[in-house]
N, C-alpha and C. Protein backbone atom coordinates (compact mmCIF):
# COMPACT_ATOMS: atom_id res chain seq x y z
N MET A 1 79.53 95.11 144.16
CA MET A 1 80.73 95.03 143.38
C MET A 1 80.35 95.18 141.91
N ASP A 2 81.05 96.10 141.24
CA ASP A 2 80.83 96.31 139.81
C ASP A 2 81.79 95.44 139.01
N ILE A 3 81.26 94.88 137.95
CA ILE A 3 82.09 94.08 137.05
C ILE A 3 82.23 94.84 135.74
N GLU A 4 83.45 95.04 135.35
CA GLU A 4 83.71 95.72 134.08
C GLU A 4 84.16 94.70 133.04
N LEU A 5 83.60 94.82 131.87
CA LEU A 5 84.00 93.95 130.77
C LEU A 5 84.99 94.69 129.89
N CYS A 6 86.03 94.01 129.55
CA CYS A 6 87.02 94.59 128.66
C CYS A 6 87.03 93.80 127.35
N TYR A 7 87.03 94.54 126.28
CA TYR A 7 87.11 93.92 124.96
C TYR A 7 88.40 94.38 124.30
N PHE A 8 89.09 93.42 123.74
CA PHE A 8 90.32 93.74 123.03
C PHE A 8 90.07 93.57 121.54
N ASN A 9 90.50 94.52 120.78
CA ASN A 9 90.40 94.45 119.34
C ASN A 9 91.80 94.21 118.81
N PHE A 10 92.13 92.94 118.60
CA PHE A 10 93.47 92.56 118.16
C PHE A 10 93.55 92.66 116.65
N SER A 11 94.53 93.38 116.16
CA SER A 11 94.76 93.51 114.72
C SER A 11 96.23 93.26 114.44
N ASP A 12 96.50 92.67 113.30
CA ASP A 12 97.87 92.35 112.92
C ASP A 12 97.99 92.50 111.41
N PRO A 13 98.93 93.29 110.92
CA PRO A 13 99.06 93.44 109.48
C PRO A 13 99.45 92.11 108.83
N PRO A 14 99.11 91.93 107.56
CA PRO A 14 99.43 90.67 106.89
C PRO A 14 100.94 90.53 106.68
N SER A 15 101.37 89.30 106.73
CA SER A 15 102.77 88.98 106.47
C SER A 15 102.80 87.67 105.68
N ILE A 16 103.41 87.70 104.50
CA ILE A 16 103.51 86.47 103.71
C ILE A 16 104.65 85.63 104.28
N LYS A 17 104.31 84.43 104.68
CA LYS A 17 105.28 83.51 105.27
C LYS A 17 105.98 82.68 104.21
N GLU A 18 105.28 82.42 103.10
CA GLU A 18 105.85 81.61 102.03
C GLU A 18 105.16 81.92 100.72
N ALA A 19 105.94 82.06 99.68
CA ALA A 19 105.43 82.11 98.31
C ALA A 19 106.33 81.18 97.53
N SER A 20 105.74 80.15 96.92
CA SER A 20 106.56 79.15 96.27
C SER A 20 105.93 78.68 94.97
N VAL A 21 106.76 78.05 94.17
CA VAL A 21 106.34 77.49 92.90
C VAL A 21 106.78 76.03 92.88
N SER A 22 105.93 75.14 92.34
CA SER A 22 106.25 73.72 92.36
C SER A 22 107.45 73.39 91.48
N ILE A 23 107.61 74.13 90.38
CA ILE A 23 108.72 73.91 89.45
C ILE A 23 109.21 75.27 88.99
N ALA A 24 110.45 75.61 89.27
CA ALA A 24 110.98 76.93 88.91
C ALA A 24 111.32 77.04 87.43
N LYS A 25 111.58 75.90 86.78
CA LYS A 25 111.87 75.88 85.35
C LYS A 25 110.86 74.96 84.68
N SER A 26 110.18 75.48 83.67
CA SER A 26 109.09 74.75 83.05
C SER A 26 109.12 74.95 81.54
N TRP A 27 108.20 74.30 80.85
CA TRP A 27 108.10 74.42 79.40
C TRP A 27 106.63 74.56 79.00
N ILE A 28 106.42 74.95 77.76
CA ILE A 28 105.07 75.11 77.23
C ILE A 28 104.30 73.81 77.40
N GLY A 29 103.09 73.91 77.94
CA GLY A 29 102.22 72.75 78.13
C GLY A 29 102.24 72.17 79.53
N GLN A 30 103.22 72.50 80.34
CA GLN A 30 103.30 71.96 81.70
C GLN A 30 102.45 72.81 82.64
N THR A 31 101.91 72.19 83.68
CA THR A 31 101.15 72.90 84.70
C THR A 31 102.03 73.12 85.93
N VAL A 32 102.03 74.34 86.42
CA VAL A 32 102.84 74.74 87.57
C VAL A 32 101.90 75.16 88.70
N THR A 33 102.22 74.78 89.93
CA THR A 33 101.41 75.14 91.09
C THR A 33 102.09 76.26 91.86
N LEU A 34 101.34 77.32 92.13
CA LEU A 34 101.81 78.45 92.93
C LEU A 34 101.14 78.38 94.29
N LYS A 35 101.91 78.63 95.35
CA LYS A 35 101.37 78.57 96.71
C LYS A 35 101.81 79.80 97.48
N CYS A 36 100.86 80.41 98.18
CA CYS A 36 101.13 81.58 99.01
C CYS A 36 100.51 81.36 100.38
N MET A 37 101.31 81.55 101.44
CA MET A 37 100.81 81.40 102.80
C MET A 37 101.09 82.69 103.57
N SER A 38 100.09 83.14 104.32
CA SER A 38 100.19 84.40 105.03
C SER A 38 99.49 84.30 106.37
N ASP A 39 99.68 85.34 107.19
CA ASP A 39 98.87 85.48 108.40
C ASP A 39 98.48 86.94 108.51
N GLY A 40 97.69 87.24 109.51
CA GLY A 40 97.21 88.59 109.73
C GLY A 40 95.81 88.58 110.30
N VAL A 41 95.46 89.63 111.02
CA VAL A 41 94.12 89.80 111.60
C VAL A 41 93.66 91.21 111.29
N PRO A 42 92.58 91.40 110.57
CA PRO A 42 91.70 90.36 110.04
C PRO A 42 92.41 89.54 108.95
N THR A 43 91.82 88.38 108.66
CA THR A 43 92.37 87.48 107.64
C THR A 43 92.60 88.26 106.35
N PRO A 44 93.79 88.14 105.77
CA PRO A 44 94.08 88.91 104.57
C PRO A 44 93.43 88.36 103.31
N ARG A 45 93.35 89.22 102.31
CA ARG A 45 92.97 88.79 100.95
C ARG A 45 94.28 88.48 100.24
N LEU A 46 94.38 87.26 99.70
CA LEU A 46 95.56 86.84 98.95
C LEU A 46 95.20 86.85 97.47
N THR A 47 96.02 87.54 96.67
CA THR A 47 95.76 87.66 95.25
C THR A 47 97.04 87.32 94.48
N TRP A 48 96.90 86.43 93.49
CA TRP A 48 98.00 86.09 92.60
C TRP A 48 97.87 86.86 91.31
N TYR A 49 99.01 87.33 90.78
CA TYR A 49 99.06 88.05 89.51
C TYR A 49 100.06 87.40 88.57
N LYS A 50 99.71 87.35 87.28
CA LYS A 50 100.60 86.84 86.23
C LYS A 50 101.68 87.87 85.93
N PRO A 51 102.69 87.46 85.15
CA PRO A 51 103.75 88.41 84.77
C PRO A 51 103.24 89.65 84.04
N ASP A 52 102.13 89.54 83.31
CA ASP A 52 101.59 90.70 82.59
C ASP A 52 100.75 91.61 83.49
N GLY A 53 100.61 91.24 84.77
CA GLY A 53 99.84 92.05 85.72
C GLY A 53 98.39 91.65 85.86
N SER A 54 97.92 90.70 85.05
CA SER A 54 96.52 90.28 85.17
C SER A 54 96.35 89.36 86.37
N GLN A 55 95.19 89.47 86.98
CA GLN A 55 94.89 88.71 88.20
C GLN A 55 94.53 87.27 87.86
N ILE A 56 95.06 86.34 88.65
CA ILE A 56 94.72 84.93 88.48
C ILE A 56 93.53 84.58 89.38
N ASN A 57 93.69 84.85 90.68
CA ASN A 57 92.60 84.60 91.63
C ASN A 57 92.79 85.45 92.87
N SER A 58 91.74 85.50 93.70
CA SER A 58 91.78 86.28 94.93
C SER A 58 90.88 85.60 95.95
N VAL A 59 91.43 85.33 97.15
CA VAL A 59 90.67 84.69 98.21
C VAL A 59 90.96 85.38 99.54
N ILE A 60 89.99 85.34 100.43
CA ILE A 60 90.21 85.79 101.81
C ILE A 60 90.50 84.54 102.61
N ASP A 61 91.80 84.35 102.89
CA ASP A 61 92.24 83.13 103.54
C ASP A 61 93.71 83.31 103.93
N THR A 62 94.26 82.34 104.63
CA THR A 62 95.67 82.39 104.98
C THR A 62 96.52 81.60 104.00
N GLN A 63 95.86 80.95 103.02
CA GLN A 63 96.59 80.18 102.03
C GLN A 63 95.88 80.26 100.69
N SER A 64 96.65 80.38 99.63
CA SER A 64 96.12 80.38 98.28
C SER A 64 97.00 79.50 97.41
N THR A 65 96.39 78.52 96.75
CA THR A 65 97.10 77.63 95.84
C THR A 65 96.40 77.67 94.50
N VAL A 66 97.17 77.92 93.44
CA VAL A 66 96.61 77.97 92.09
C VAL A 66 97.48 77.16 91.14
N ASN A 67 96.84 76.59 90.14
CA ASN A 67 97.55 75.87 89.08
C ASN A 67 97.51 76.72 87.83
N VAL A 68 98.66 76.86 87.18
CA VAL A 68 98.77 77.64 85.95
C VAL A 68 99.34 76.74 84.87
N LYS A 69 98.57 76.57 83.80
CA LYS A 69 99.09 75.82 82.65
C LYS A 69 99.89 76.79 81.79
N MET A 70 101.13 76.46 81.58
CA MET A 70 102.05 77.32 80.85
C MET A 70 101.80 77.17 79.35
N ASN A 71 100.75 77.83 78.86
CA ASN A 71 100.32 77.67 77.47
C ASN A 71 101.08 78.54 76.47
N VAL A 72 101.56 79.68 76.90
CA VAL A 72 102.22 80.62 75.99
C VAL A 72 103.47 81.20 76.65
N ASP A 73 104.36 81.73 75.81
CA ASP A 73 105.62 82.30 76.32
C ASP A 73 105.38 83.37 77.38
N GLN A 74 104.31 84.15 77.25
CA GLN A 74 104.03 85.27 78.15
C GLN A 74 103.69 84.80 79.57
N TYR A 75 103.40 83.51 79.77
CA TYR A 75 103.10 83.00 81.10
C TYR A 75 104.37 82.79 81.94
N PHE A 76 105.52 82.85 81.30
CA PHE A 76 106.78 82.68 82.03
C PHE A 76 107.25 84.04 82.54
N GLY A 77 107.86 84.04 83.71
CA GLY A 77 108.34 85.29 84.28
C GLY A 77 108.04 85.35 85.76
N PHE A 78 107.73 86.56 86.23
CA PHE A 78 107.55 86.82 87.66
C PHE A 78 106.07 86.85 88.03
N TYR A 79 105.69 85.99 88.99
CA TYR A 79 104.34 85.95 89.54
C TYR A 79 104.37 86.61 90.91
N LYS A 80 103.33 87.36 91.21
CA LYS A 80 103.29 88.10 92.48
C LYS A 80 102.09 87.67 93.31
N CYS A 81 102.36 87.39 94.59
CA CYS A 81 101.29 87.15 95.56
C CYS A 81 101.22 88.37 96.47
N ILE A 82 100.04 88.96 96.56
CA ILE A 82 99.83 90.12 97.42
C ILE A 82 98.87 89.74 98.54
N ALA A 83 99.24 90.05 99.78
CA ALA A 83 98.37 89.86 100.94
C ALA A 83 98.01 91.24 101.48
N HIS A 84 96.71 91.49 101.65
CA HIS A 84 96.34 92.78 102.23
C HIS A 84 95.09 92.63 103.10
N ASN A 85 95.09 93.43 104.15
CA ASN A 85 93.91 93.63 104.98
C ASN A 85 93.82 95.12 105.23
N ARG A 86 92.95 95.54 106.11
CA ARG A 86 92.73 96.98 106.31
C ARG A 86 93.93 97.69 106.93
N LEU A 87 94.93 96.92 107.38
CA LEU A 87 96.08 97.51 108.05
C LEU A 87 97.27 97.76 107.12
N ALA A 88 97.52 96.84 106.20
CA ALA A 88 98.74 96.95 105.40
C ALA A 88 98.70 95.99 104.21
N VAL A 89 99.79 96.01 103.46
CA VAL A 89 99.97 95.15 102.29
C VAL A 89 101.35 94.52 102.36
N ASP A 90 101.45 93.26 101.98
CA ASP A 90 102.74 92.59 101.85
C ASP A 90 102.71 91.82 100.54
N PHE A 91 103.86 91.57 99.95
CA PHE A 91 103.88 90.78 98.72
C PHE A 91 105.19 90.03 98.59
N LYS A 92 105.14 88.96 97.82
CA LYS A 92 106.32 88.18 97.47
C LYS A 92 106.22 87.84 96.00
N ILE A 93 107.37 87.65 95.38
CA ILE A 93 107.45 87.35 93.95
C ILE A 93 108.18 86.03 93.76
N VAL A 94 107.65 85.20 92.84
CA VAL A 94 108.32 83.96 92.45
C VAL A 94 108.52 84.00 90.94
N LYS A 95 109.54 83.30 90.48
CA LYS A 95 109.85 83.31 89.05
C LYS A 95 109.70 81.92 88.47
N ILE A 96 109.10 81.87 87.28
CA ILE A 96 109.04 80.63 86.51
C ILE A 96 109.81 80.88 85.22
N GLN A 97 110.89 80.14 85.06
CA GLN A 97 111.76 80.30 83.90
C GLN A 97 111.37 79.29 82.83
N GLN A 98 111.36 79.74 81.59
CA GLN A 98 111.03 78.85 80.47
C GLN A 98 112.27 78.11 80.01
N ILE A 99 112.08 76.80 79.81
CA ILE A 99 113.15 75.98 79.23
C ILE A 99 112.60 75.32 77.98
N SER A 100 113.49 74.96 77.10
CA SER A 100 113.12 74.32 75.84
C SER A 100 113.00 72.83 76.07
N MET A 101 112.05 72.21 75.39
CA MET A 101 111.88 70.76 75.48
C MET A 101 113.11 70.03 74.94
N SER A 102 113.90 70.69 74.10
CA SER A 102 115.08 70.05 73.53
C SER A 102 116.15 69.76 74.59
N PHE A 103 116.06 70.44 75.76
CA PHE A 103 117.01 70.21 76.84
C PHE A 103 116.62 69.06 77.73
N LEU A 104 115.43 68.52 77.55
CA LEU A 104 114.96 67.45 78.43
C LEU A 104 115.44 66.09 77.98
């Protein structure tokens, strides 16, 4: 009796399940936490980008959490989390709106 071995190569494009911000409205000097959760096989690379397009960090994982200190006006706006593996790319955008301390 011959035994045949079968190998399956399972691949799944990345899909961002959640992209969130700890505080949607912030002010100069406050620290905001960004969180991105994804899945995919192979494990995707998750990369966060600031509103000006500069990269914050990049990890190969299913979750990426970063803290951003809102030091200047240019840090407010749209942050993008991109998940990619060899199959595809997915992304989500979160917004951090600037508020004045005089409203607090």
